[in-house]
Amino acid sequence: MTAITLKDQFGRSIEYLRISITDRCNFRCVYCMPLEGLEWLPKTEILTYEEITEVVRQLAPLGLRRLRLTGGEPTIRPDLVALVGMLKAVPGIEDIALSTNGVKLPELAAPLRAAGLDRVNISADSLRADRIASIARRKFAFDPVVSAQSAEAAGLDPIKLNVVVMRGINDDEIADFARLTLEHPWHVRFIELMPVGEMANLTWEHVVPSEEVLRRASVHGVLEPSGGPARGNGPAAYHRFAGAPGTIGVITPMTHTYCGSCNRVRLTADGRLRTCLYGDHEVNLRDPLRAGAALEPIFRQALADKPKEHNLLQMQVGGLRALSQVGG
């Protein structure tokens, strides 16, 4: 049977769905969520695991192939392992990834892998315990390197460490993170800070452009352009030190947009399909789903309305108060 490829109005193939399974998080990262948290969604408004699986089941025949589970922090929702198993059983789904802060990976990596999880992205904004606590505004006995090692031991691959670089806060650790790629087959990705919503304490002055990041990482040697992980959906541009088992990637939403190759849409925890992270276009899938309606015509119309590019550079963020609302 010939695979169906869904395209939006600009000819971009859409095969990747990011699924936020909770709006809650055990961190309060300075760039992601207000210290006091947000007004949490009532449980009745959040999609059940069965409803999430049904959305995927209806969209997979239309060309959906890749999933990423996000939050908030997805590992704090009970029985995440069961959801991974349910999604893995949907015909047509080829790849399931997880975005996590990594706190629970030492205990969850092996069962998640056994259930069908393929790979993992770990948010790691510092390698120093005191600074992790300062950025996350929570105290955990947590080491992102140990979490990555747990993921590697479980057979998750590739393993990506996502570092949001903030001038004057953690940019002095660029070289330390870069060194990890000389020691481990991991992919360290430096992400430009995105001042969003109520994170008004972080501004353009805190943004470190990718060219500067690569220059500062080069203290360990010459970085050459490189292909990234064999499996991945992201917009990172990758580089590698000669002989290094890992790579260094840069993601540049502020200084260089990558909207032209966007292949994704997002499902919020309360069942709204967002066709652009920073756009204001979203479609309610939850209510039609609960009413027993077919999602295909709704999904096709949503793709027809998907915008050409985001408005982040104009500081328009589609009504988002915080990145935690959609999992990035």
C-alpha atoms as a PDB file:
ATOM      1  CA  MET A   1       0.000   0.000   0.000  1.00  0.00           C
ATOM      2  CA  THR A   2       1.370   3.409  -0.944  1.00  0.00           C
ATOM      3  CA  ALA A   3       2.064   5.592   2.079  1.00  0.00           C
ATOM      4  CA  ILE A   4      -0.024   8.741   2.309  1.00  0.00           C
ATOM      5  CA  THR A   5       1.869  11.992   2.731  1.00  0.00           C
ATOM      6  CA  LEU A   6      -0.092  14.882   4.158  1.00  0.00           C
ATOM      7  CA  LYS A   7       1.020  18.314   3.090  1.00  0.00           C
ATOM      8  CA  ASP A   8       0.049  21.756   4.287  1.00  0.00           C
ATOM      9  CA  GLN A   9      -0.837  24.662   2.017  1.00  0.00           C
ATOM     10  CA  PHE A  10       2.861  25.415   1.454  1.00  0.00           C
ATOM     11  CA  GLY A  11       3.773  21.872   0.422  1.00  0.00           C
ATOM     12  CA  ARG A  12       5.435  20.858   3.689  1.00  0.00           C
ATOM     13  CA  SER A  13       4.963  17.174   4.559  1.00  0.00           C
ATOM     14  CA  ILE A  14       3.458  16.717   8.019  1.00  0.00           C
ATOM     15  CA  GLU A  15       4.305  13.394   9.640  1.00  0.00           C
ATOM     16  CA  TYR A  16       5.320  14.376  13.176  1.00  0.00           C
ATOM     17  CA  LEU A  17       3.026  15.008  16.156  1.00  0.00           C
ATOM     18  CA  ARG A  18       4.239  16.375  19.485  1.00  0.00           C
ATOM     19  CA  ILE A  19       1.818  15.346  22.236  1.00  0.00           C
ATOM     20  CA  SER A  20       1.686  17.233  25.515  1.00  0.00           C
ATOM     21  CA  ILE A  21       0.276  14.760  28.029  1.00  0.00           C
ATOM     22  CA  THR A  22       0.230  17.149  31.007  1.00  0.00           C
ATOM     23  CA  ASP A  23       0.554  20.869  31.622  1.00  0.00           C
ATOM     24  CA  ARG A  24       2.178  20.281  35.024  1.00  0.00           C
ATOM     25  CA  CYS A  25       5.874  20.124  35.812  1.00  0.00           C
ATOM     26  CA  ASN A  26       8.086  19.426  38.809  1.00  0.00           C
ATOM     27  CA  PHE A  27      10.426  22.244  37.701  1.00  0.00           C
ATOM     28  CA  ARG A  28       9.809  25.978  37.401  1.00  0.00           C
ATOM     29  CA  CYS A  29      12.565  26.788  34.907  1.00  0.00           C
ATOM     30  CA  VAL A  30      13.165  30.507  34.554  1.00  0.00           C
ATOM     31  CA  TYR A  31      12.607  30.471  30.767  1.00  0.00           C
ATOM     32  CA  CYS A  32       9.661  28.090  30.754  1.00  0.00           C
ATOM     33  CA  MET A  33       7.172  28.643  33.578  1.00  0.00           C
ATOM     34  CA  PRO A  34       6.333  31.342  36.135  1.00  0.00           C
ATOM     35  CA  LEU A  35       7.621  30.632  39.643  1.00  0.00           C
ATOM     36  CA  GLU A  36       4.079  30.393  40.990  1.00  0.00           C
ATOM     37  CA  GLY A  37       3.130  27.952  38.245  1.00  0.00           C
ATOM     38  CA  LEU A  38       0.032  28.336  36.093  1.00  0.00           C
ATOM     39  CA  GLU A  39      -3.657  27.684  36.513  1.00  0.00           C
ATOM     40  CA  TRP A  40      -3.624  23.939  35.935  1.00  0.00           C
ATOM     41  CA  LEU A  41      -6.091  22.318  33.581  1.00  0.00           C
ATOM     42  CA  PRO A  42      -8.926  20.420  35.285  1.00  0.00           C
ATOM     43  CA  LYS A  43      -8.519  16.662  34.979  1.00  0.00           C
ATOM     44  CA  THR A  44     -11.752  16.389  32.999  1.00  0.00           C
ATOM     45  CA  GLU A  45     -10.327  18.625  30.272  1.00  0.00           C
ATOM     46  CA  ILE A  46      -7.134  16.610  29.807  1.00  0.00           C
ATOM     47  CA  LEU A  47      -7.116  13.847  27.229  1.00  0.00           C
ATOM     48  CA  THR A  48      -7.061  10.345  28.675  1.00  0.00           C
ATOM     49  CA  TYR A  49      -4.461   7.881  27.432  1.00  0.00           C
ATOM     50  CA  GLU A  50      -7.204   6.142  25.482  1.00  0.00           C
ATOM     51  CA  GLU A  51      -8.202   9.432  23.826  1.00  0.00           C
ATOM     52  CA  ILE A  52      -4.594  10.276  22.947  1.00  0.00           C
ATOM     53  CA  THR A  53      -4.225   6.843  21.395  1.00  0.00           C
ATOM     54  CA  GLU A  54      -7.438   7.284  19.422  1.00  0.00           C
ATOM     55  CA  VAL A  55      -6.228  10.603  17.990  1.00  0.00           C
ATOM     56  CA  VAL A  56      -3.044   8.884  16.832  1.00  0.00           C
ATOM     57  CA  ARG A  57      -4.992   5.896  15.513  1.00  0.00           C
ATOM     58  CA  GLN A  58      -7.122   8.183  13.340  1.00  0.00           C
ATOM     59  CA  LEU A  59      -4.202  10.267  12.083  1.00  0.00           C
ATOM     60  CA  ALA A  60      -1.714   7.474  11.383  1.00  0.00           C
ATOM     61  CA  PRO A  61      -3.481   6.374   8.150  1.00  0.00           C
ATOM     62  CA  LEU A  62      -3.126   9.956   6.927  1.00  0.00           C
ATOM     63  CA  GLY A  63       0.669   9.839   7.104  1.00  0.00           C
ATOM     64  CA  LEU A  64       1.469  10.406  10.774  1.00  0.00           C
ATOM     65  CA  ARG A  65       4.614   8.384  11.534  1.00  0.00           C
ATOM     66  CA  ARG A  66       6.511  10.007  14.394  1.00  0.00           C
ATOM     67  CA  LEU A  67       5.449  10.978  17.905  1.00  0.00           C
ATOM     68  CA  ARG A  68       7.047  12.898  20.738  1.00  0.00           C
ATOM     69  CA  LEU A  69       5.633  12.882  24.259  1.00  0.00           C
ATOM     70  CA  THR A  70       6.095  16.157  26.099  1.00  0.00           C
ATOM     71  CA  GLY A  71       4.525  18.136  28.934  1.00  0.00           C
ATOM     72  CA  GLY A  72       4.896  20.040  31.154  1.00  0.00           C
ATOM     73  CA  GLU A  73       6.957  17.144  32.416  1.00  0.00           C
ATOM     74  CA  PRO A  74       5.532  13.912  30.982  1.00  0.00           C
ATOM     75  CA  THR A  75       7.160  11.580  33.502  1.00  0.00           C
ATOM     76  CA  ILE A  76       5.061  12.977  36.363  1.00  0.00           C
ATOM     77  CA  ARG A  77       1.841  11.698  34.793  1.00  0.00           C
ATOM     78  CA  PRO A  78       1.149   8.240  36.242  1.00  0.00           C
ATOM     79  CA  ASP A  79       1.773   5.106  34.194  1.00  0.00           C
ATOM     80  CA  LEU A  80       3.540   6.737  31.279  1.00  0.00           C
ATOM     81  CA  VAL A  81       4.889   3.304  30.369  1.00  0.00           C
ATOM     82  CA  ALA A  82       1.345   2.148  29.571  1.00  0.00           C
ATOM     83  CA  LEU A  83       0.768   5.054  27.179  1.00  0.00           C
ATOM     84  CA  VAL A  84       3.986   4.300  25.300  1.00  0.00           C
ATOM     85  CA  GLY A  85       2.845   0.702  24.869  1.00  0.00           C
ATOM     86  CA  MET A  86      -0.557   1.792  23.597  1.00  0.00           C
ATOM     87  CA  LEU A  87       0.950   4.171  21.047  1.00  0.00           C
ATOM     88  CA  LYS A  88       3.538   1.653  19.906  1.00  0.00           C
ATOM     89  CA  ALA A  89       0.711  -0.725  19.005  1.00  0.00           C
ATOM     90  CA  VAL A  90      -0.880   1.757  16.555  1.00  0.00           C
ATOM     91  CA  PRO A  91      -0.207   0.570  12.975  1.00  0.00           C
ATOM     92  CA  GLY A  92       1.964   3.000  11.033  1.00  0.00           C
ATOM     93  CA  ILE A  93       3.746   4.595  13.995  1.00  0.00           C
ATOM     94  CA  GLU A  94       7.453   4.146  13.419  1.00  0.00           C
ATOM     95  CA  ASP A  95       9.109   6.261  16.083  1.00  0.00           C
ATOM     96  CA  ILE A  96       8.252   7.410  19.621  1.00  0.00           C
ATOM     97  CA  ALA A  97      10.397   9.932  21.462  1.00  0.00           C
ATOM     98  CA  LEU A  98      10.231  11.537  24.903  1.00  0.00           C
ATOM     99  CA  SER A  99      11.181  15.038  26.061  1.00  0.00           C
ATOM    100  CA  THR A 100      11.930  15.119  29.785  1.00  0.00           C
ATOM    101  CA  ASN A 101      13.914  16.964  32.415  1.00  0.00           C
ATOM    102  CA  GLY A 102      15.461  13.588  33.190  1.00  0.00           C
ATOM    103  CA  VAL A 103      14.797  13.470  36.922  1.00  0.00           C
ATOM    104  CA  LYS A 104      12.921  10.156  36.697  1.00  0.00           C
ATOM    105  CA  LEU A 105      14.940   8.569  33.889  1.00  0.00           C
ATOM    106  CA  PRO A 106      17.139   6.414  36.134  1.00  0.00           C
ATOM    107  CA  GLU A 107      14.018   4.495  37.210  1.00  0.00           C
ATOM    108  CA  LEU A 108      11.931   4.812  34.039  1.00  0.00           C
ATOM    109  CA  ALA A 109      14.387   4.448  31.137  1.00  0.00           C
ATOM    110  CA  ALA A 110      14.407   0.634  31.068  1.00  0.00           C
ATOM    111  CA  PRO A 111      10.615   0.083  31.357  1.00  0.00           C
ATOM    112  CA  LEU A 112       9.940   2.849  28.829  1.00  0.00           C
ATOM    113  CA  ARG A 113      12.329   1.239  26.369  1.00  0.00           C
ATOM    114  CA  ALA A 114      10.692  -2.152  26.926  1.00  0.00           C
ATOM    115  CA  ALA A 115       7.288  -0.588  26.218  1.00  0.00           C
ATOM    116  CA  GLY A 116       8.462   0.783  22.877  1.00  0.00           C
ATOM    117  CA  LEU A 117      10.111   4.155  23.474  1.00  0.00           C
ATOM    118  CA  ASP A 118      12.824   4.725  20.872  1.00  0.00           C
ATOM    119  CA  ARG A 119      14.726   7.816  21.961  1.00  0.00           C
ATOM    120  CA  VAL A 120      14.886  10.647  24.448  1.00  0.00           C
ATOM    121  CA  ASN A 121      15.647  14.352  24.709  1.00  0.00           C
ATOM    122  CA  ILE A 122      16.830  15.531  28.125  1.00  0.00           C
ATOM    123  CA  SER A 123      16.608  19.176  29.134  1.00  0.00           C
ATOM    124  CA  ALA A 124      19.952  19.917  30.781  1.00  0.00           C
ATOM    125  CA  ASP A 125      20.642  23.587  31.350  1.00  0.00           C
ATOM    126  CA  SER A 126      23.558  23.086  33.705  1.00  0.00           C
ATOM    127  CA  LEU A 127      25.964  20.401  34.916  1.00  0.00           C
ATOM    128  CA  ARG A 128      26.257  21.990  38.360  1.00  0.00           C
ATOM    129  CA  ALA A 129      23.849  20.959  41.102  1.00  0.00           C
ATOM    130  CA  ASP A 130      23.508  24.432  42.617  1.00  0.00           C
ATOM    131  CA  ARG A 131      22.871  26.018  39.237  1.00  0.00           C
ATOM    132  CA  ILE A 132      20.368  23.352  38.212  1.00  0.00           C
ATOM    133  CA  ALA A 133      18.420  24.223  41.362  1.00  0.00           C
ATOM    134  CA  SER A 134      18.691  27.936  40.577  1.00  0.00           C
ATOM    135  CA  ILE A 135      17.465  27.606  36.978  1.00  0.00           C
ATOM    136  CA  ALA A 136      14.766  25.014  37.791  1.00  0.00           C
ATOM    137  CA  ARG A 137      13.827  26.806  41.029  1.00  0.00           C
ATOM    138  CA  ARG A 138      13.450  23.364  42.575  1.00  0.00           C
ATOM    139  CA  LYS A 139      15.918  21.241  44.531  1.00  0.00           C
ATOM    140  CA  PHE A 140      16.411  17.673  43.337  1.00  0.00           C
ATOM    141  CA  ALA A 141      19.267  15.240  43.817  1.00  0.00           C
ATOM    142  CA  PHE A 142      19.660  15.212  40.068  1.00  0.00           C
ATOM    143  CA  ASP A 143      22.563  14.792  37.655  1.00  0.00           C
ATOM    144  CA  PRO A 144      21.716  15.032  33.934  1.00  0.00           C
ATOM    145  CA  VAL A 145      24.806  12.982  33.043  1.00  0.00           C
ATOM    146  CA  VAL A 146      23.555  10.099  35.195  1.00  0.00           C
ATOM    147  CA  SER A 147      20.138  10.378  33.542  1.00  0.00           C
ATOM    148  CA  ALA A 148      21.711  10.249  30.092  1.00  0.00           C
ATOM    149  CA  GLN A 149      23.798   7.256  31.108  1.00  0.00           C
ATOM    150  CA  SER A 150      20.625   5.507  32.290  1.00  0.00           C
ATOM    151  CA  ALA A 151      18.975   6.172  28.944  1.00  0.00           C
ATOM    152  CA  GLU A 152      22.010   4.857  27.087  1.00  0.00           C
ATOM    153  CA  ALA A 153      22.135   1.713  29.227  1.00  0.00           C
ATOM    154  CA  ALA A 154      18.459   1.070  28.473  1.00  0.00           C
ATOM    155  CA  GLY A 155      19.136   1.176  24.734  1.00  0.00           C
ATOM    156  CA  LEU A 156      17.458   4.486  23.930  1.00  0.00           C
ATOM    157  CA  ASP A 157      19.066   6.041  20.886  1.00  0.00           C
ATOM    158  CA  PRO A 158      19.759   8.746  19.996  1.00  0.00           C
ATOM    159  CA  ILE A 159      20.179  10.594  23.280  1.00  0.00           C
ATOM    160  CA  LYS A 160      20.003  14.366  23.002  1.00  0.00           C
ATOM    161  CA  LEU A 161      20.821  16.898  25.696  1.00  0.00           C
ATOM    162  CA  ASN A 162      19.007  20.185  25.137  1.00  0.00           C
ATOM    163  CA  VAL A 163      20.700  23.236  26.626  1.00  0.00           C
ATOM    164  CA  VAL A 164      18.883  26.570  26.593  1.00  0.00           C
ATOM    165  CA  VAL A 165      21.763  29.036  26.573  1.00  0.00           C
ATOM    166  CA  MET A 166      21.242  32.193  28.646  1.00  0.00           C
ATOM    167  CA  ARG A 167      23.870  34.910  28.788  1.00  0.00           C
ATOM    168  CA  GLY A 168      25.079  35.541  32.299  1.00  0.00           C
ATOM    169  CA  ILE A 169      23.228  32.506  33.629  1.00  0.00           C
ATOM    170  CA  ASN A 170      24.741  29.366  32.094  1.00  0.00           C
ATOM    171  CA  ASP A 171      26.692  30.416  28.998  1.00  0.00           C
ATOM    172  CA  ASP A 172      29.963  29.805  30.870  1.00  0.00           C
ATOM    173  CA  GLU A 173      29.185  26.057  30.654  1.00  0.00           C
ATOM    174  CA  ILE A 174      29.155  25.866  26.855  1.00  0.00           C
ATOM    175  CA  ALA A 175      32.620  24.284  26.781  1.00  0.00           C
ATOM    176  CA  ASP A 176      31.712  21.819  29.551  1.00  0.00           C
ATOM    177  CA  PHE A 177      28.696  20.582  27.619  1.00  0.00           C
ATOM    178  CA  ALA A 178      30.714  20.425  24.397  1.00  0.00           C
ATOM    179  CA  ARG A 179      33.255  18.197  26.134  1.00  0.00           C
ATOM    180  CA  LEU A 180      30.567  15.576  26.721  1.00  0.00           C
ATOM    181  CA  THR A 181      30.475  14.865  22.983  1.00  0.00           C
ATOM    182  CA  LEU A 182      34.139  13.850  23.149  1.00  0.00           C
ATOM    183  CA  GLU A 183      33.338  11.307  25.859  1.00  0.00           C
ATOM    184  CA  HIS A 184      29.867   9.970  24.982  1.00  0.00           C
ATOM    185  CA  PRO A 185      27.808   9.194  21.847  1.00  0.00           C
ATOM    186  CA  TRP A 186      25.350  11.904  22.814  1.00  0.00           C
ATOM    187  CA  HIS A 187      24.064  14.874  20.876  1.00  0.00           C
ATOM    188  CA  VAL A 188      24.354  18.143  22.807  1.00  0.00           C
ATOM    189  CA  ARG A 189      22.061  20.766  21.307  1.00  0.00           C
ATOM    190  CA  PHE A 190      22.402  24.394  22.260  1.00  0.00           C
ATOM    191  CA  ILE A 191      19.088  26.225  21.909  1.00  0.00           C
ATOM    192  CA  GLU A 192      18.742  29.968  21.592  1.00  0.00           C
ATOM    193  CA  LEU A 193      16.668  31.428  24.377  1.00  0.00           C
ATOM    194  CA  MET A 194      13.116  32.300  23.320  1.00  0.00           C
ATOM    195  CA  PRO A 195      11.678  35.085  25.504  1.00  0.00           C
ATOM    196  CA  VAL A 196       8.036  33.997  25.710  1.00  0.00           C
ATOM    197  CA  GLY A 197       4.885  35.205  27.410  1.00  0.00           C
ATOM    198  CA  GLU A 198       5.369  36.059  31.043  1.00  0.00           C
ATOM    199  CA  MET A 199       9.096  35.293  31.091  1.00  0.00           C
ATOM    200  CA  ALA A 200       9.713  39.043  30.927  1.00  0.00           C
ATOM    201  CA  ASN A 201      12.795  38.808  33.129  1.00  0.00           C
ATOM    202  CA  LEU A 202      14.605  37.167  30.202  1.00  0.00           C
ATOM    203  CA  THR A 203      15.109  39.442  27.215  1.00  0.00           C
ATOM    204  CA  TRP A 204      17.084  39.747  23.985  1.00  0.00           C
ATOM    205  CA  GLU A 205      20.085  40.653  26.135  1.00  0.00           C
ATOM    206  CA  HIS A 206      20.142  37.054  27.371  1.00  0.00           C
ATOM    207  CA  VAL A 207      20.120  35.501  23.881  1.00  0.00           C
ATOM    208  CA  VAL A 208      23.456  33.968  22.815  1.00  0.00           C
ATOM    209  CA  PRO A 209      23.571  33.578  19.001  1.00  0.00           C
ATOM    210  CA  SER A 210      24.511  30.167  17.651  1.00  0.00           C
ATOM    211  CA  GLU A 211      27.658  31.500  15.957  1.00  0.00           C
ATOM    212  CA  GLU A 212      28.979  32.585  19.350  1.00  0.00           C
ATOM    213  CA  VAL A 213      28.032  29.236  20.898  1.00  0.00           C
ATOM    214  CA  LEU A 214      30.019  27.318  18.266  1.00  0.00           C
ATOM    215  CA  ARG A 215      32.974  29.651  18.650  1.00  0.00           C
ATOM    216  CA  ARG A 216      33.069  29.127  22.405  1.00  0.00           C
ATOM    217  CA  ALA A 217      32.604  25.363  22.067  1.00  0.00           C
ATOM    218  CA  SER A 218      35.597  25.243  19.717  1.00  0.00           C
ATOM    219  CA  VAL A 219      37.978  25.551  22.653  1.00  0.00           C
ATOM    220  CA  HIS A 220      38.205  21.742  22.403  1.00  0.00           C
ATOM    221  CA  GLY A 221      39.170  21.702  18.740  1.00  0.00           C
ATOM    222  CA  VAL A 222      37.910  22.396  15.252  1.00  0.00           C
ATOM    223  CA  LEU A 223      34.188  21.814  14.728  1.00  0.00           C
ATOM    224  CA  GLU A 224      33.204  20.553  11.306  1.00  0.00           C
ATOM    225  CA  PRO A 225      29.669  20.416   9.897  1.00  0.00           C
ATOM    226  CA  SER A 226      28.245  16.961  10.445  1.00  0.00           C
ATOM    227  CA  GLY A 227      25.153  14.939   9.877  1.00  0.00           C
ATOM    228  CA  GLY A 228      23.041  14.598  12.977  1.00  0.00           C
ATOM    229  CA  PRO A 229      21.567  11.469  14.554  1.00  0.00           C
ATOM    230  CA  ALA A 230      20.342   8.793  12.174  1.00  0.00           C
ATOM    231  CA  ARG A 231      16.858   9.285  13.613  1.00  0.00           C
ATOM    232  CA  GLY A 232      15.475  12.680  14.421  1.00  0.00           C
ATOM    233  CA  ASN A 233      12.937  15.287  13.440  1.00  0.00           C
ATOM    234  CA  GLY A 234      14.472  18.445  14.764  1.00  0.00           C
ATOM    235  CA  PRO A 235      15.764  21.649  13.175  1.00  0.00           C
ATOM    236  CA  ALA A 236      19.281  21.511  14.630  1.00  0.00           C
ATOM    237  CA  ALA A 237      22.383  22.102  12.508  1.00  0.00           C
ATOM    238  CA  TYR A 238      25.051  19.640  13.690  1.00  0.00           C
ATOM    239  CA  HIS A 239      28.825  19.821  14.065  1.00  0.00           C
ATOM    240  CA  ARG A 240      31.435  17.399  15.349  1.00  0.00           C
ATOM    241  CA  PHE A 241      34.962  17.373  16.713  1.00  0.00           C
ATOM    242  CA  ALA A 242      37.292  15.040  14.794  1.00  0.00           C
ATOM    243  CA  GLY A 243      36.897  11.527  16.148  1.00  0.00           C
ATOM    244  CA  ALA A 244      34.173  12.480  18.642  1.00  0.00           C
ATOM    245  CA  PRO A 245      31.417   9.904  19.257  1.00  0.00           C
ATOM    246  CA  GLY A 246      28.831  12.649  19.793  1.00  0.00           C
ATOM    247  CA  THR A 247      27.796  15.829  18.030  1.00  0.00           C
ATOM    248  CA  ILE A 248      27.052  19.447  18.837  1.00  0.00           C
ATOM    249  CA  GLY A 249      23.876  20.952  17.458  1.00  0.00           C
ATOM    250  CA  VAL A 250      22.522  24.478  17.422  1.00  0.00           C
ATOM    251  CA  ILE A 251      18.843  25.396  17.236  1.00  0.00           C
ATOM    252  CA  THR A 252      18.224  28.986  16.247  1.00  0.00           C
ATOM    253  CA  PRO A 253      14.612  30.144  16.547  1.00  0.00           C
ATOM    254  CA  MET A 254      15.655  33.739  17.183  1.00  0.00           C
ATOM    255  CA  THR A 255      18.486  34.439  14.745  1.00  0.00           C
ATOM    256  CA  HIS A 256      17.569  31.993  11.955  1.00  0.00           C
ATOM    257  CA  THR A 257      14.064  30.629  11.484  1.00  0.00           C
ATOM    258  CA  TYR A 258      13.501  27.104  10.155  1.00  0.00           C
ATOM    259  CA  CYS A 259       9.813  27.357   9.357  1.00  0.00           C
ATOM    260  CA  GLY A 260      10.343  26.423   5.706  1.00  0.00           C
ATOM    261  CA  SER A 261      11.082  22.816   6.652  1.00  0.00           C
ATOM    262  CA  CYS A 262       8.571  22.475   9.488  1.00  0.00           C
ATOM    263  CA  ASN A 263       7.107  18.950   9.520  1.00  0.00           C
ATOM    264  CA  ARG A 264       5.196  19.042  12.801  1.00  0.00           C
ATOM    265  CA  VAL A 265       2.023  19.918  14.603  1.00  0.00           C
ATOM    266  CA  ARG A 266       1.292  19.838  18.341  1.00  0.00           C
ATOM    267  CA  LEU A 267      -1.473  18.366  20.463  1.00  0.00           C
ATOM    268  CA  THR A 268      -1.983  20.136  23.781  1.00  0.00           C
ATOM    269  CA  ALA A 269      -2.888  18.288  26.959  1.00  0.00           C
ATOM    270  CA  ASP A 270      -6.498  19.452  26.609  1.00  0.00           C
ATOM    271  CA  GLY A 271      -6.776  18.220  23.040  1.00  0.00           C
ATOM    272  CA  ARG A 272      -6.123  21.289  20.929  1.00  0.00           C
ATOM    273  CA  LEU A 273      -4.127  20.929  17.739  1.00  0.00           C
ATOM    274  CA  ARG A 274      -1.628  23.760  17.354  1.00  0.00           C
ATOM    275  CA  THR A 275      -0.223  23.982  13.849  1.00  0.00           C
ATOM    276  CA  CYS A 276       2.529  26.422  14.836  1.00  0.00           C
ATOM    277  CA  LEU A 277       4.295  26.692  18.186  1.00  0.00           C
ATOM    278  CA  TYR A 278       4.153  30.488  18.171  1.00  0.00           C
ATOM    279  CA  GLY A 279       1.124  30.991  15.982  1.00  0.00           C
ATOM    280  CA  ASP A 280      -2.375  31.628  17.255  1.00  0.00           C
ATOM    281  CA  HIS A 281      -4.002  28.946  15.098  1.00  0.00           C
ATOM    282  CA  GLU A 282      -5.347  25.967  17.006  1.00  0.00           C
ATOM    283  CA  VAL A 283      -8.206  23.519  16.494  1.00  0.00           C
ATOM    284  CA  ASN A 284     -10.232  21.720  19.150  1.00  0.00           C
ATOM    285  CA  LEU A 285      -9.936  17.959  18.589  1.00  0.00           C
ATOM    286  CA  ARG A 286     -11.108  16.894  22.048  1.00  0.00           C
ATOM    287  CA  ASP A 287     -14.760  17.812  21.744  1.00  0.00           C
ATOM    288  CA  PRO A 288     -15.288  16.235  18.299  1.00  0.00           C
ATOM    289  CA  LEU A 289     -13.381  13.166  19.495  1.00  0.00           C
ATOM    290  CA  ARG A 290     -15.617  12.819  22.556  1.00  0.00           C
ATOM    291  CA  ALA A 291     -18.666  13.309  20.353  1.00  0.00           C
ATOM    292  CA  GLY A 292     -17.571  10.443  18.132  1.00  0.00           C
ATOM    293  CA  ALA A 293     -16.760  12.581  15.079  1.00  0.00           C
ATOM    294  CA  ALA A 294     -14.110  11.615  12.555  1.00  0.00           C
ATOM    295  CA  LEU A 295     -10.937  13.678  12.915  1.00  0.00           C
ATOM    296  CA  GLU A 296      -9.652  13.385   9.345  1.00  0.00           C
ATOM    297  CA  PRO A 297     -11.568  16.355   7.842  1.00  0.00           C
ATOM    298  CA  ILE A 298     -10.730  18.509  10.867  1.00  0.00           C
ATOM    299  CA  PHE A 299      -7.047  17.606  10.608  1.00  0.00           C
ATOM    300  CA  ARG A 300      -6.919  18.255   6.872  1.00  0.00           C
ATOM    301  CA  GLN A 301      -8.502  21.673   7.320  1.00  0.00           C
ATOM    302  CA  ALA A 302      -6.055  22.487  10.116  1.00  0.00           C
ATOM    303  CA  LEU A 303      -3.127  21.720   7.818  1.00  0.00           C
ATOM    304  CA  ALA A 304      -4.671  23.876   5.106  1.00  0.00           C
ATOM    305  CA  ASP A 305      -4.635  26.733   7.605  1.00  0.00           C
ATOM    306  CA  LYS A 306      -1.115  26.106   8.971  1.00  0.00           C
ATOM    307  CA  PRO A 307       0.789  29.427   8.787  1.00  0.00           C
ATOM    308  CA  LYS A 308       3.899  29.903   6.692  1.00  0.00           C
ATOM    309  CA  GLU A 309       6.063  30.974   9.628  1.00  0.00           C
ATOM    310  CA  HIS A 310       5.904  31.858  13.290  1.00  0.00           C
ATOM    311  CA  ASN A 311       5.702  35.380  14.696  1.00  0.00           C
ATOM    312  CA  LEU A 312       8.266  34.974  17.476  1.00  0.00           C
ATOM    313  CA  LEU A 313      10.600  37.551  16.005  1.00  0.00           C
ATOM    314  CA  GLN A 314       7.791  40.059  16.305  1.00  0.00           C
ATOM    315  CA  MET A 315       7.380  38.849  19.927  1.00  0.00           C
ATOM    316  CA  GLN A 316       3.949  37.463  19.145  1.00  0.00           C
ATOM    317  CA  VAL A 317       3.547  34.109  20.865  1.00  0.00           C
ATOM    318  CA  GLY A 318       0.052  32.948  20.022  1.00  0.00           C
ATOM    319  CA  GLY A 319      -1.419  33.512  23.450  1.00  0.00           C
ATOM    320  CA  LEU A 320       1.184  31.408  25.262  1.00  0.00           C
ATOM    321  CA  ARG A 321       1.913  32.447  28.823  1.00  0.00           C
ATOM    322  CA  ALA A 322       4.723  29.891  29.074  1.00  0.00           C
ATOM    323  CA  LEU A 323       6.521  27.279  26.982  1.00  0.00           C
ATOM    324  CA  SER A 324       5.385  24.619  29.446  1.00  0.00           C
ATOM    325  CA  GLN A 325       1.873  24.886  28.002  1.00  0.00           C
ATOM    326  CA  VAL A 326       2.910  23.117  24.804  1.00  0.00           C
ATOM    327  CA  GLY A 327       6.149  21.350  25.668  1.00  0.00           C
ATOM    328  CA  GLY A 328       8.264  23.364  23.249  1.00  0.00           C
END
